[in-house]
Amino acid sequence: MEEFVPTEFAAFEEAPAYVRFTVTITNGTGQPFDPSTTFVTVSSGGAEASAVFDEGLEGAPLTPVLPGESVSWMEGFAVTDPADLVCQVTPSFDHLGELFVGGL
């Protein structure tokens, strides 16, 4: 996880800080998994953070992940306090999300 500055071409809401991090999904099932169904949310300083879409921050890939394989991509968010972050990653509507708590 790191702070970054959105480019002039980014789609984002103004915020005190911007963070980006890598999401990795490993397919532990016997069927191909569609990573585009993954939903990532972040809160910061008690407020919901908004996603940043920028160069290298286009969201989850569309290609299915085969059983036993992994895929990674970058996510970016406009945050209130980069030292106070709660992130939830939910792989699909059929799976429970995982919470990650921390910050820079």
PDB file of N, CA and C in Angstrom:
ATOM      1  N   MET A   1       0.858  -1.170   0.000  1.00  0.00           N
ATOM      2  CA  MET A   1       0.000   0.000   0.000  1.00  0.00           C
ATOM      3  C   MET A   1       0.899   1.227   0.000  1.00  0.00           C
ATOM      4  N   GLU A   2       0.479   2.216  -0.800  1.00  0.00           N
ATOM      5  CA  GLU A   2       1.260   3.444  -0.873  1.00  0.00           C
ATOM      6  C   GLU A   2       0.359   4.619  -1.238  1.00  0.00           C
ATOM      7  N   GLU A   3       0.813   5.812  -0.877  1.00  0.00           N
ATOM      8  CA  GLU A   3       0.118   7.014  -1.318  1.00  0.00           C
ATOM      9  C   GLU A   3       0.532   7.300  -2.759  1.00  0.00           C
ATOM     10  N   PHE A   4      -0.318   8.005  -3.492  1.00  0.00           N
ATOM     11  CA  PHE A   4       0.008   8.392  -4.859  1.00  0.00           C
ATOM     12  C   PHE A   4      -0.730   9.669  -5.210  1.00  0.00           C
ATOM     13  N   VAL A   5      -0.333  10.262  -6.323  1.00  0.00           N
ATOM     14  CA  VAL A   5      -0.987  11.463  -6.846  1.00  0.00           C
ATOM     15  C   VAL A   5      -1.698  11.068  -8.142  1.00  0.00           C
ATOM     16  N   PRO A   6      -3.017  11.241  -8.215  1.00  0.00           N
ATOM     17  CA  PRO A   6      -3.735  10.910  -9.454  1.00  0.00           C
ATOM     18  C   PRO A   6      -3.237  11.764 -10.623  1.00  0.00           C
ATOM     19  N   THR A   7      -3.254  11.188 -11.815  1.00  0.00           N
ATOM     20  CA  THR A   7      -2.843  11.929 -12.999  1.00  0.00           C
ATOM     21  C   THR A   7      -3.957  12.884 -13.424  1.00  0.00           C
ATOM     22  N   GLU A   8      -3.662  13.727 -14.382  1.00  0.00           N
ATOM     23  CA  GLU A   8      -4.659  14.680 -14.869  1.00  0.00           C
ATOM     24  C   GLU A   8      -5.819  13.995 -15.585  1.00  0.00           C
ATOM     25  N   PHE A   9      -5.636  12.738 -15.973  1.00  0.00           N
ATOM     26  CA  PHE A   9      -6.673  11.996 -16.687  1.00  0.00           C
ATOM     27  C   PHE A   9      -7.508  11.113 -15.768  1.00  0.00           C
ATOM     28  N   ALA A  10      -7.231  11.132 -14.472  1.00  0.00           N
ATOM     29  CA  ALA A  10      -7.917  10.258 -13.512  1.00  0.00           C
ATOM     30  C   ALA A  10      -9.357  10.706 -13.274  1.00  0.00           C
ATOM     31  N   ALA A  11     -10.187   9.736 -12.902  1.00  0.00           N
ATOM     32  CA  ALA A  11     -11.560  10.008 -12.458  1.00  0.00           C
ATOM     33  C   ALA A  11     -11.577   9.762 -10.957  1.00  0.00           C
ATOM     34  N   PHE A  12     -11.806  10.836 -10.179  1.00  0.00           N
ATOM     35  CA  PHE A  12     -11.741  10.711  -8.726  1.00  0.00           C
ATOM     36  C   PHE A  12     -12.418  11.894  -8.053  1.00  0.00           C
ATOM     37  N   GLU A  13     -12.709  11.714  -6.764  1.00  0.00           N
ATOM     38  CA  GLU A  13     -13.212  12.808  -5.938  1.00  0.00           C
ATOM     39  C   GLU A  13     -12.035  13.415  -5.184  1.00  0.00           C
ATOM     40  N   GLU A  14     -12.102  14.717  -4.948  1.00  0.00           N
ATOM     41  CA  GLU A  14     -11.056  15.384  -4.177  1.00  0.00           C
ATOM     42  C   GLU A  14     -11.028  14.816  -2.761  1.00  0.00           C
ATOM     43  N   ALA A  15      -9.824  14.626  -2.224  1.00  0.00           N
ATOM     44  CA  ALA A  15      -9.657  14.082  -0.879  1.00  0.00           C
ATOM     45  C   ALA A  15      -8.307  14.532  -0.333  1.00  0.00           C
ATOM     46  N   PRO A  16      -8.128  14.441   0.994  1.00  0.00           N
ATOM     47  CA  PRO A  16      -6.832  14.803   1.580  1.00  0.00           C
ATOM     48  C   PRO A  16      -5.682  13.905   1.119  1.00  0.00           C
ATOM     49  N   ALA A  17      -5.980  12.637   0.767  1.00  0.00           N
ATOM     50  CA  ALA A  17      -4.924  11.708   0.356  1.00  0.00           C
ATOM     51  C   ALA A  17      -5.493  10.657  -0.591  1.00  0.00           C
ATOM     52  N   TYR A  18      -4.584   9.985  -1.293  1.00  0.00           N
ATOM     53  CA  TYR A  18      -4.955   8.923  -2.229  1.00  0.00           C
ATOM     54  C   TYR A  18      -4.032   7.737  -1.982  1.00  0.00           C
ATOM     55  N   VAL A  19      -4.615   6.546  -1.866  1.00  0.00           N
ATOM     56  CA  VAL A  19      -3.817   5.340  -1.640  1.00  0.00           C
ATOM     57  C   VAL A  19      -4.125   4.317  -2.727  1.00  0.00           C
ATOM     58  N   ARG A  20      -3.131   3.485  -3.012  1.00  0.00           N
ATOM     59  CA  ARG A  20      -3.326   2.372  -3.943  1.00  0.00           C
ATOM     60  C   ARG A  20      -2.665   1.137  -3.352  1.00  0.00           C
ATOM     61  N   PHE A  21      -3.211  -0.013  -3.718  1.00  0.00           N
ATOM     62  CA  PHE A  21      -2.707  -1.272  -3.189  1.00  0.00           C
ATOM     63  C   PHE A  21      -3.039  -2.393  -4.160  1.00  0.00           C
ATOM     64  N   THR A  22      -2.356  -3.509  -3.992  1.00  0.00           N
ATOM     65  CA  THR A  22      -2.551  -4.673  -4.846  1.00  0.00           C
ATOM     66  C   THR A  22      -3.576  -5.611  -4.233  1.00  0.00           C
ATOM     67  N   VAL A  23      -4.514  -6.065  -5.043  1.00  0.00           N
ATOM     68  CA  VAL A  23      -5.476  -7.099  -4.655  1.00  0.00           C
ATOM     69  C   VAL A  23      -5.061  -8.375  -5.389  1.00  0.00           C
ATOM     70  N   THR A  24      -4.943  -9.477  -4.651  1.00  0.00           N
ATOM     71  CA  THR A  24      -4.617 -10.771  -5.249  1.00  0.00           C
ATOM     72  C   THR A  24      -5.697 -11.777  -4.884  1.00  0.00           C
ATOM     73  N   ILE A  25      -6.241 -12.436  -5.887  1.00  0.00           N
ATOM     74  CA  ILE A  25      -7.252 -13.481  -5.693  1.00  0.00           C
ATOM     75  C   ILE A  25      -6.653 -14.797  -6.184  1.00  0.00           C
ATOM     76  N   THR A  26      -6.715 -15.823  -5.332  1.00  0.00           N
ATOM     77  CA  THR A  26      -6.297 -17.169  -5.715  1.00  0.00           C
ATOM     78  C   THR A  26      -7.539 -18.042  -5.816  1.00  0.00           C
ATOM     79  N   ASN A  27      -7.690 -18.712  -6.938  1.00  0.00           N
ATOM     80  CA  ASN A  27      -8.857 -19.557  -7.170  1.00  0.00           C
ATOM     81  C   ASN A  27      -8.608 -20.933  -6.554  1.00  0.00           C
ATOM     82  N   GLY A  28      -9.235 -21.176  -5.404  1.00  0.00           N
ATOM     83  CA  GLY A  28      -9.112 -22.455  -4.722  1.00  0.00           C
ATOM     84  C   GLY A  28     -10.256 -23.400  -5.024  1.00  0.00           C
ATOM     85  N   THR A  29     -11.035 -23.098  -6.048  1.00  0.00           N
ATOM     86  CA  THR A  29     -12.172 -23.946  -6.413  1.00  0.00           C
ATOM     87  C   THR A  29     -11.791 -24.839  -7.590  1.00  0.00           C
ATOM     88  N   GLY A  30     -12.690 -25.664  -8.003  1.00  0.00           N
ATOM     89  CA  GLY A  30     -12.479 -26.530  -9.159  1.00  0.00           C
ATOM     90  C   GLY A  30     -13.025 -25.957 -10.447  1.00  0.00           C
ATOM     91  N   GLN A  31     -13.517 -24.719 -10.394  1.00  0.00           N
ATOM     92  CA  GLN A  31     -14.126 -24.071 -11.562  1.00  0.00           C
ATOM     93  C   GLN A  31     -13.406 -22.758 -11.866  1.00  0.00           C
ATOM     94  N   PRO A  32     -13.423 -22.298 -13.116  1.00  0.00           N
ATOM     95  CA  PRO A  32     -12.884 -20.970 -13.414  1.00  0.00           C
ATOM     96  C   PRO A  32     -13.628 -19.906 -12.596  1.00  0.00           C
ATOM     97  N   PHE A  33     -12.900 -18.870 -12.185  1.00  0.00           N
ATOM     98  CA  PHE A  33     -13.471 -17.786 -11.387  1.00  0.00           C
ATOM     99  C   PHE A  33     -13.400 -16.490 -12.183  1.00  0.00           C
ATOM    100  N   ASP A  34     -14.487 -15.728 -12.176  1.00  0.00           N
ATOM    101  CA  ASP A  34     -14.561 -14.443 -12.875  1.00  0.00           C
ATOM    102  C   ASP A  34     -14.135 -13.332 -11.911  1.00  0.00           C
ATOM    103  N   PRO A  35     -12.911 -12.797 -12.034  1.00  0.00           N
ATOM    104  CA  PRO A  35     -12.450 -11.779 -11.088  1.00  0.00           C
ATOM    105  C   PRO A  35     -13.193 -10.449 -11.207  1.00  0.00           C
ATOM    106  N   SER A  36     -13.899 -10.233 -12.319  1.00  0.00           N
ATOM    107  CA  SER A  36     -14.618  -8.962 -12.479  1.00  0.00           C
ATOM    108  C   SER A  36     -15.795  -8.838 -11.512  1.00  0.00           C
ATOM    109  N   THR A  37     -16.153  -9.934 -10.831  1.00  0.00           N
ATOM    110  CA  THR A  37     -17.228  -9.881  -9.833  1.00  0.00           C
ATOM    111  C   THR A  37     -16.721  -9.428  -8.464  1.00  0.00           C
ATOM    112  N   THR A  38     -15.406  -9.223  -8.332  1.00  0.00           N
ATOM    113  CA  THR A  38     -14.816  -8.814  -7.057  1.00  0.00           C
ATOM    114  C   THR A  38     -15.199  -7.375  -6.743  1.00  0.00           C
ATOM    115  N   PHE A  39     -15.599  -7.148  -5.492  1.00  0.00           N
ATOM    116  CA  PHE A  39     -16.019  -5.824  -5.037  1.00  0.00           C
ATOM    117  C   PHE A  39     -15.090  -5.393  -3.910  1.00  0.00           C
ATOM    118  N   VAL A  40     -14.442  -4.229  -4.056  1.00  0.00           N
ATOM    119  CA  VAL A  40     -13.503  -3.713  -3.058  1.00  0.00           C
ATOM    120  C   VAL A  40     -14.047  -2.398  -2.527  1.00  0.00           C
ATOM    121  N   THR A  41     -14.150  -2.297  -1.196  1.00  0.00           N
ATOM    122  CA  THR A  41     -14.573  -1.048  -0.562  1.00  0.00           C
ATOM    123  C   THR A  41     -13.550  -0.656   0.492  1.00  0.00           C
ATOM    124  N   VAL A  42     -13.463   0.644   0.753  1.00  0.00           N
ATOM    125  CA  VAL A  42     -12.528   1.169   1.746  1.00  0.00           C
ATOM    126  C   VAL A  42     -13.227   2.261   2.533  1.00  0.00           C
ATOM    127  N   SER A  43     -12.979   2.291   3.840  1.00  0.00           N
ATOM    128  CA  SER A  43     -13.364   3.445   4.647  1.00  0.00           C
ATOM    129  C   SER A  43     -12.095   3.992   5.286  1.00  0.00           C
ATOM    130  N   SER A  44     -12.125   5.288   5.585  1.00  0.00           N
ATOM    131  CA  SER A  44     -10.942   5.963   6.109  1.00  0.00           C
ATOM    132  C   SER A  44     -11.382   7.084   7.030  1.00  0.00           C
ATOM    133  N   GLY A  45     -10.869   7.076   8.245  1.00  0.00           N
ATOM    134  CA  GLY A  45     -11.238   8.131   9.182  1.00  0.00           C
ATOM    135  C   GLY A  45     -12.722   8.175   9.451  1.00  0.00           C
ATOM    136  N   GLY A  46     -13.388   7.021   9.386  1.00  0.00           N
ATOM    137  CA  GLY A  46     -14.817   6.940   9.655  1.00  0.00           C
ATOM    138  C   GLY A  46     -15.709   7.309   8.490  1.00  0.00           C
ATOM    139  N   ALA A  47     -15.118   7.538   7.308  1.00  0.00           N
ATOM    140  CA  ALA A  47     -15.908   7.911   6.126  1.00  0.00           C
ATOM    141  C   ALA A  47     -15.641   6.932   4.988  1.00  0.00           C
ATOM    142  N   GLU A  48     -16.665   6.680   4.185  1.00  0.00           N
ATOM    143  CA  GLU A  48     -16.505   5.808   3.021  1.00  0.00           C
ATOM    144  C   GLU A  48     -15.581   6.481   2.008  1.00  0.00           C
ATOM    145  N   ALA A  49     -14.610   5.742   1.501  1.00  0.00           N
ATOM    146  CA  ALA A  49     -13.680   6.263   0.501  1.00  0.00           C
ATOM    147  C   ALA A  49     -14.245   6.015  -0.895  1.00  0.00           C
ATOM    148  N   SER A  50     -13.874   6.864  -1.838  1.00  0.00           N
ATOM    149  CA  SER A  50     -14.336   6.667  -3.213  1.00  0.00           C
ATOM    150  C   SER A  50     -13.195   6.120  -4.065  1.00  0.00           C
ATOM    151  N   ALA A  51     -13.552   5.279  -5.030  1.00  0.00           N
ATOM    152  CA  ALA A  51     -12.559   4.665  -5.910  1.00  0.00           C
ATOM    153  C   ALA A  51     -11.941   5.710  -6.834  1.00  0.00           C
ATOM    154  N   VAL A  52     -10.673   5.487  -7.165  1.00  0.00           N
ATOM    155  CA  VAL A  52      -9.961   6.312  -8.135  1.00  0.00           C
ATOM    156  C   VAL A  52      -9.678   5.443  -9.352  1.00  0.00           C
ATOM    157  N   PHE A  53     -10.061   5.925 -10.529  1.00  0.00           N
ATOM    158  CA  PHE A  53      -9.769   5.221 -11.776  1.00  0.00           C
ATOM    159  C   PHE A  53      -8.726   6.033 -12.528  1.00  0.00           C
ATOM    160  N   ASP A  54      -7.589   5.408 -12.761  1.00  0.00           N
ATOM    161  CA  ASP A  54      -6.451   6.110 -13.336  1.00  0.00           C
ATOM    162  C   ASP A  54      -5.577   5.101 -14.078  1.00  0.00           C
ATOM    163  N   GLU A  55      -4.492   5.567 -14.617  1.00  0.00           N
ATOM    164  CA  GLU A  55      -3.537   4.695 -15.289  1.00  0.00           C
ATOM    165  C   GLU A  55      -3.083   3.604 -14.320  1.00  0.00           C
ATOM    166  N   GLY A  56      -3.315   2.343 -14.667  1.00  0.00           N
ATOM    167  CA  GLY A  56      -2.953   1.230 -13.798  1.00  0.00           C
ATOM    168  C   GLY A  56      -3.975   0.914 -12.733  1.00  0.00           C
ATOM    169  N   LEU A  57      -5.057   1.688 -12.686  1.00  0.00           N
ATOM    170  CA  LEU A  57      -6.124   1.482 -11.691  1.00  0.00           C
ATOM    171  C   LEU A  57      -7.457   1.326 -12.419  1.00  0.00           C
ATOM    172  N   GLU A  58      -7.537   0.333 -13.263  1.00  0.00           N
ATOM    173  CA  GLU A  58      -8.737   0.135 -14.084  1.00  0.00           C
ATOM    174  C   GLU A  58      -9.708  -0.877 -13.500  1.00  0.00           C
ATOM    175  N   GLY A  59      -9.409  -1.447 -12.344  1.00  0.00           N
ATOM    176  CA  GLY A  59     -10.286  -2.445 -11.746  1.00  0.00           C
ATOM    177  C   GLY A  59      -9.838  -3.858 -12.058  1.00  0.00           C
ATOM    178  N   ALA A  60     -10.657  -4.811 -11.658  1.00  0.00           N
ATOM    179  CA  ALA A  60     -10.326  -6.231 -11.793  1.00  0.00           C
ATOM    180  C   ALA A  60     -10.268  -6.657 -13.257  1.00  0.00           C
ATOM    181  N   PRO A  61      -9.418  -7.632 -13.567  1.00  0.00           N
ATOM    182  CA  PRO A  61      -9.356  -8.167 -14.928  1.00  0.00           C
ATOM    183  C   PRO A  61     -10.641  -8.896 -15.312  1.00  0.00           C
ATOM    184  N   LEU A  62     -10.842  -9.077 -16.599  1.00  0.00           N
ATOM    185  CA  LEU A  62     -12.040  -9.748 -17.103  1.00  0.00           C
ATOM    186  C   LEU A  62     -11.805 -11.223 -17.422  1.00  0.00           C
ATOM    187  N   THR A  63     -10.556 -11.624 -17.601  1.00  0.00           N
ATOM    188  CA  THR A  63     -10.234 -13.002 -17.975  1.00  0.00           C
ATOM    189  C   THR A  63     -10.434 -13.940 -16.788  1.00  0.00           C
ATOM    190  N   PRO A  64     -11.151 -15.046 -16.963  1.00  0.00           N
ATOM    191  CA  PRO A  64     -11.353 -15.994 -15.857  1.00  0.00           C
ATOM    192  C   PRO A  64     -10.029 -16.536 -15.315  1.00  0.00           C
ATOM    193  N   VAL A  65     -10.017 -16.775 -14.002  1.00  0.00           N
ATOM    194  CA  VAL A  65      -8.856 -17.350 -13.323  1.00  0.00           C
ATOM    195  C   VAL A  65      -9.100 -18.853 -13.203  1.00  0.00           C
ATOM    196  N   LEU A  66      -8.196 -19.640 -13.735  1.00  0.00           N
ATOM    197  CA  LEU A  66      -8.351 -21.093 -13.710  1.00  0.00           C
ATOM    198  C   LEU A  66      -8.116 -21.646 -12.302  1.00  0.00           C
ATOM    199  N   PRO A  67      -8.653 -22.828 -11.997  1.00  0.00           N
ATOM    200  CA  PRO A  67      -8.443 -23.438 -10.680  1.00  0.00           C
ATOM    201  C   PRO A  67      -6.952 -23.528 -10.337  1.00  0.00           C
ATOM    202  N   GLY A  68      -6.623 -23.126  -9.106  1.00  0.00           N
ATOM    203  CA  GLY A  68      -5.243 -23.167  -8.637  1.00  0.00           C
ATOM    204  C   GLY A  68      -4.395 -21.990  -9.057  1.00  0.00           C
ATOM    205  N   GLU A  69      -4.909 -21.115  -9.901  1.00  0.00           N
ATOM    206  CA  GLU A  69      -4.164 -19.950 -10.379  1.00  0.00           C
ATOM    207  C   GLU A  69      -4.547 -18.703  -9.579  1.00  0.00           C
ATOM    208  N   SER A  70      -3.737 -17.650  -9.725  1.00  0.00           N
ATOM    209  CA  SER A  70      -3.976 -16.376  -9.050  1.00  0.00           C
ATOM    210  C   SER A  70      -3.947 -15.244 -10.060  1.00  0.00           C
ATOM    211  N   VAL A  71      -4.552 -14.139  -9.678  1.00  0.00           N
ATOM    212  CA  VAL A  71      -4.506 -12.920 -10.477  1.00  0.00           C
ATOM    213  C   VAL A  71      -4.377 -11.741  -9.515  1.00  0.00           C
ATOM    214  N   SER A  72      -3.645 -10.707  -9.935  1.00  0.00           N
ATOM    215  CA  SER A  72      -3.452  -9.505  -9.117  1.00  0.00           C
ATOM    216  C   SER A  72      -3.745  -8.266  -9.947  1.00  0.00           C
ATOM    217  N   TRP A  73      -4.206  -7.215  -9.275  1.00  0.00           N
ATOM    218  CA  TRP A  73      -4.421  -5.920  -9.911  1.00  0.00           C
ATOM    219  C   TRP A  73      -4.358  -4.844  -8.841  1.00  0.00           C
ATOM    220  N   MET A  74      -4.245  -3.602  -9.285  1.00  0.00           N
ATOM    221  CA  MET A  74      -4.163  -2.463  -8.370  1.00  0.00           C
ATOM    222  C   MET A  74      -5.530  -1.805  -8.223  1.00  0.00           C
ATOM    223  N   GLU A  75      -5.819  -1.362  -7.005  1.00  0.00           N
ATOM    224  CA  GLU A  75      -7.013  -0.566  -6.701  1.00  0.00           C
ATOM    225  C   GLU A  75      -6.545   0.745  -6.082  1.00  0.00           C
ATOM    226  N   GLY A  76      -7.263   1.830  -6.325  1.00  0.00           N
ATOM    227  CA  GLY A  76      -6.933   3.123  -5.745  1.00  0.00           C
ATOM    228  C   GLY A  76      -8.163   3.766  -5.133  1.00  0.00           C
ATOM    229  N   PHE A  77      -7.943   4.525  -4.040  1.00  0.00           N
ATOM    230  CA  PHE A  77      -9.050   5.169  -3.341  1.00  0.00           C
ATOM    231  C   PHE A  77      -8.649   6.553  -2.849  1.00  0.00           C
ATOM    232  N   ALA A  78      -9.625   7.462  -2.849  1.00  0.00           N
ATOM    233  CA  ALA A  78      -9.488   8.791  -2.265  1.00  0.00           C
ATOM    234  C   ALA A  78      -9.900   8.676  -0.803  1.00  0.00           C
ATOM    235  N   VAL A  79      -8.980   8.992   0.127  1.00  0.00           N
ATOM    236  CA  VAL A  79      -9.216   8.719   1.541  1.00  0.00           C
ATOM    237  C   VAL A  79      -9.086   9.966   2.405  1.00  0.00           C
ATOM    238  N   THR A  80      -9.736   9.898   3.558  1.00  0.00           N
ATOM    239  CA  THR A  80      -9.669  10.981   4.535  1.00  0.00           C
ATOM    240  C   THR A  80      -8.372  10.929   5.326  1.00  0.00           C
ATOM    241  N   ASP A  81      -7.977   9.726   5.775  1.00  0.00           N
ATOM    242  CA  ASP A  81      -6.796   9.552   6.619  1.00  0.00           C
ATOM    243  C   ASP A  81      -6.070   8.267   6.220  1.00  0.00           C
ATOM    244  N   PRO A  82      -4.928   8.366   5.538  1.00  0.00           N
ATOM    245  CA  PRO A  82      -4.230   7.163   5.088  1.00  0.00           C
ATOM    246  C   PRO A  82      -3.679   6.304   6.224  1.00  0.00           C
ATOM    247  N   ALA A  83      -3.667   6.819   7.442  1.00  0.00           N
ATOM    248  CA  ALA A  83      -3.214   6.035   8.594  1.00  0.00           C
ATOM    249  C   ALA A  83      -4.353   5.224   9.207  1.00  0.00           C
ATOM    250  N   ASP A  84      -5.588   5.468   8.771  1.00  0.00           N
ATOM    251  CA  ASP A  84      -6.770   4.800   9.336  1.00  0.00           C
ATOM    252  C   ASP A  84      -7.611   4.242   8.191  1.00  0.00           C
ATOM    253  N   LEU A  85      -7.346   2.989   7.822  1.00  0.00           N
ATOM    254  CA  LEU A  85      -8.022   2.380   6.678  1.00  0.00           C
ATOM    255  C   LEU A  85      -8.655   1.048   7.052  1.00  0.00           C
ATOM    256  N   VAL A  86      -9.860   0.821   6.546  1.00  0.00           N
ATOM    257  CA  VAL A  86     -10.524  -0.477   6.630  1.00  0.00           C
ATOM    258  C   VAL A  86     -10.907  -0.836   5.199  1.00  0.00           C
ATOM    259  N   CYS A  87     -10.442  -1.993   4.750  1.00  0.00           N
ATOM    260  CA  CYS A  87     -10.705  -2.442   3.384  1.00  0.00           C
ATOM    261  C   CYS A  87     -11.443  -3.768   3.427  1.00  0.00           C
ATOM    262  N   GLN A  88     -12.502  -3.889   2.623  1.00  0.00           N
ATOM    263  CA  GLN A  88     -13.204  -5.159   2.482  1.00  0.00           C
ATOM    264  C   GLN A  88     -13.116  -5.597   1.028  1.00  0.00           C
ATOM    265  N   VAL A  89     -12.674  -6.846   0.834  1.00  0.00           N
ATOM    266  CA  VAL A  89     -12.595  -7.443  -0.498  1.00  0.00           C
ATOM    267  C   VAL A  89     -13.567  -8.614  -0.530  1.00  0.00           C
ATOM    268  N   THR A  90     -14.551  -8.532  -1.419  1.00  0.00           N
ATOM    269  CA  THR A  90     -15.560  -9.582  -1.574  1.00  0.00           C
ATOM    270  C   THR A  90     -15.420 -10.150  -2.983  1.00  0.00           C
ATOM    271  N   PRO A  91     -14.979 -11.416  -3.106  1.00  0.00           N
ATOM    272  CA  PRO A  91     -14.723 -11.989  -4.431  1.00  0.00           C
ATOM    273  C   PRO A  91     -15.953 -12.097  -5.331  1.00  0.00           C
ATOM    274  N   SER A  92     -17.125 -12.334  -4.752  1.00  0.00           N
ATOM    275  CA  SER A  92     -18.352 -12.424  -5.545  1.00  0.00           C
ATOM    276  C   SER A  92     -19.535 -12.423  -4.588  1.00  0.00           C
ATOM    277  N   PHE A  93     -20.738 -12.423  -5.142  1.00  0.00           N
ATOM    278  CA  PHE A  93     -21.933 -12.460  -4.305  1.00  0.00           C
ATOM    279  C   PHE A  93     -22.063 -13.789  -3.571  1.00  0.00           C
ATOM    280  N   ASP A  94     -21.367 -14.819  -4.044  1.00  0.00           N
ATOM    281  CA  ASP A  94     -21.422 -16.147  -3.432  1.00  0.00           C
ATOM    282  C   ASP A  94     -20.387 -16.345  -2.332  1.00  0.00           C
ATOM    283  N   HIS A  95     -19.519 -15.367  -2.098  1.00  0.00           N
ATOM    284  CA  HIS A  95     -18.443 -15.493  -1.120  1.00  0.00           C
ATOM    285  C   HIS A  95     -18.538 -14.388  -0.069  1.00  0.00           C
ATOM    286  N   LEU A  96     -18.083 -14.699   1.130  1.00  0.00           N
ATOM    287  CA  LEU A  96     -17.985 -13.686   2.176  1.00  0.00           C
ATOM    288  C   LEU A  96     -16.757 -12.824   1.917  1.00  0.00           C
ATOM    289  N   GLY A  97     -16.836 -11.569   2.322  1.00  0.00           N
ATOM    290  CA  GLY A  97     -15.705 -10.669   2.162  1.00  0.00           C
ATOM    291  C   GLY A  97     -14.695 -10.829   3.282  1.00  0.00           C
ATOM    292  N   GLU A  98     -13.479 -10.380   3.025  1.00  0.00           N
ATOM    293  CA  GLU A  98     -12.416 -10.346   4.023  1.00  0.00           C
ATOM    294  C   GLU A  98     -12.144  -8.895   4.379  1.00  0.00           C
ATOM    295  N   LEU A  99     -11.976  -8.623   5.674  1.00  0.00           N
ATOM    296  CA  LEU A  99     -11.650  -7.280   6.146  1.00  0.00           C
ATOM    297  C   LEU A  99     -10.162  -7.168   6.420  1.00  0.00           C
ATOM    298  N   PHE A 100      -9.593  -6.045   6.017  1.00  0.00           N
ATOM    299  CA  PHE A 100      -8.196  -5.730   6.288  1.00  0.00           C
ATOM    300  C   PHE A 100      -8.175  -4.361   6.958  1.00  0.00           C
ATOM    301  N   VAL A 101      -7.502  -4.273   8.103  1.00  0.00           N
ATOM    302  CA  VAL A 101      -7.457  -3.036   8.880  1.00  0.00           C
ATOM    303  C   VAL A 101      -6.004  -2.604   9.007  1.00  0.00           C
ATOM    304  N   GLY A 102      -5.744  -1.311   8.803  1.00  0.00           N
ATOM    305  CA  GLY A 102      -4.382  -0.804   8.939  1.00  0.00           C
ATOM    306  C   GLY A 102      -4.273   0.569   8.331  1.00  0.00           C
ATOM    307  N   GLY A 103      -3.122   0.859   7.815  1.00  0.00           N
ATOM    308  CA  GLY A 103      -2.885   2.147   7.196  1.00  0.00           C
ATOM    309  C   GLY A 103      -1.414   2.334   6.907  1.00  0.00           C
ATOM    310  N   LEU A 104      -1.090   3.510   6.426  1.00  0.00           N
ATOM    311  CA  LEU A 104       0.307   3.822   6.105  1.00  0.00           C
ATOM    312  C   LEU A 104       1.041   4.287   7.331  1.00  0.00           C
TER     313      LEU A 104
END
